[in-house]
Amino acid sequence: MISDVVLFIIKNNFMRNFNLSRRRIMLSIAAIVILGMTSWGFRAISDNAAYLKISKSLAIFGEFFRQVSNHYVDEIDPEEFIEAGIEGMVKHLDPYTTYIADEDNEEVDIITTGVYGGLGITTAMLDSAVTIVGITEGCSAEKAGMRVGDKIYAIDSTIVKNASSDELRNFTRGKPGTSLTVRILRANVRDTLQIKLQRQEVTLKNVTYFGLIQNDIGYIRLERFTHNAPAEVRDALVELQKQATDKKILLRGLVLDMRDNPGGLLDAAVGICELFLPQGTQIVSTRGRTTDSERRYYSRRPPLEPILPLTVLINDNTASASEIVAGALQDLDRAVIIGERSFGKGLVQTISSLPYDATLKMTTAKYYTPSGRCIQKIDYNDRRHGIVKSRSDTSKIFKTVSGRTVRDASGILPDTVVALGAKSDVVDELGKRSTVFNFANEFTGNKASLPENFTVDKRLFDQFVSYAKRSKFTYESPAFRKLNDVEKALKASSNQTGSQSVMAHIVAAKNQLAKEQASELERQRDAVSFLLYEEILERFYARSVVIGKTLNHDADIAVAGAILHNPQRYKTMLRQAQ
């Protein structure tokens, strides 16, 4: 690749010898760089068929760029044009390979350090409006009284209600100490609320809550993996042992909760495992196309808790670095894994610097658990040909240290899925459509606080059911949808022989299912009530407080506690043949 020095010389030669506009300079530089790569960058290895293809393709790309930049009917911005080309190439790869322009490099810093200058809010586009879906504890947004569910209408004098995440960051991020005025819309409040805020240095916590549950069980909620994650977990473990000592009790076990944890740094995952595994233990390995992508990661220091009984909670949003931790602790028989099958992201990204402060975050390897499993779910090779499909579970068997069977299963399969059976499709559908989220906004919009003993009683639950009907929430079970598909196939079939009788049975079955679906919310009262309780609390309390208030209602935690309070069951689960 042409170096920064060569680019500098090219640019300055043009500036000295020609009186060109900045646009023509940039077009010429881009064309020379692209064409130069075809004749210089791969000359030494031109006998290699693969690199001949590269050289040919770059020659075509360079000439295409020159033709368009010089002769297209409208003036084009060369930088934007090149970036559009890069983005097109990136879309041809996996979704984790991204090009980051110099002005967006702060996002890389946040991934690695968890620190940025801003307000401490997380937003999403809901109902065509920028909506606050998370507030960092202790930050200016929380102190000023902003709430989850608030919709941002304007910042200073600019209307931003339909802004994209990137556009919004241009207004909310900035130098700590600088001020801005935000106008928000809140449900059941007639006028916009005007709030003056000051940007500050925001540090995202990896450990958002820890404490003792069920009297003698430690609990740690780990929500991300920045470089400081191992230190935060270590500090939490030390404090939990201190709390147990102060209460004059023996800590019986630990629940490490990584549900909904999207991952982060691989080194941070290794650091978490080091707290529980013997020094010198292999935790994870990586392999890619090149030899330098092949690495093995070992525990480098004595563990803090080598024998404390351990359970790990995962779900379908547990991904990447979280799966490295869960997979290692499972393969090494160090923890019982509880919950749902994890997301299935077994790809490793490397961050590389590009010229002019741009950055490339590129997938360079796959990672493998200690038993040799790769848990990557989606095969992105097929994506290049317009196909995106999940890898099916393989029949290949892997063994844990004690001989338990585990599989290369498109994610980490938990050791117990007891809690999974209690969940319902209708509950998932309420989440996907933001029905509970929107009801919580409406219910709390004109309230200043909640009663100290707030609960979701029958009256509130019925109020929610009425709201769901008013919002035209409908639910179709998987069985109902399959019957629909069969009905459509029969109607489209040219062979009608005997189909009338089959159709009558299908219609009768659909009618019966429709009656059952109408009362599904009532059957799932406990699960829906828990969602309502948690969502409403989010409007008034910090994240750590909400976690603390909801632990006793959590089915996965109840299963974890039961296992940890039964040492024989715990040991058997880590050693039984599966």
Foldseek 3Di string as FASTA:
>chain_A
DDDPVVLVVLLVVCVVPDPDDPQVSLLVSVLCVLLVCLVPVCVVPCVDPVVVVVSVVSNVVSVVSNCCCVPPPDHDRSVVVVVVVVVVVQLLFDPQWDWFAQVRCVVVVCLAFVKFWFFQFDWDQAPQFTFTQAGAPPGFCVVQQHFGGKTWQDKAPGGCGNPDPVVVCVRGGDDFFDKIWTWIDFAPDDGTDITITTIHIDHDDQWLAWDDDPLQETETEGAEFHPCLLVVVVVRVVVHCVVCVVVPHHRLAYEYEHELRQYGDLVSLLSNLLQADAFFAWQKWKDFDDPVRTDIDTNHDGHNHHQGAYEYEYAQNRYDSSLSNVLQCQLQLNYAYEAYFYNQQFWAWDWDADPPNMIITDTGTGMAGPQGAGQHFWDSVCVSVVDIGTDAWDPDWTAGPLGATDTNHNGGGGLDHVVVVLDDPVLVVCVVNCLLLVVLSNVCRPPPDDPPPDFCDPVNLVVSLVSCVVVVPADDHPVLVVLVVVLVVQVPDPDVVVVVVVNVVSVVVNVVVRVVRSCVCVVSVLVVRLSNQLSNVSRPDHPRVSCVVSLVSDPRNVVVVVCSVDVVNSVCSSNPYD
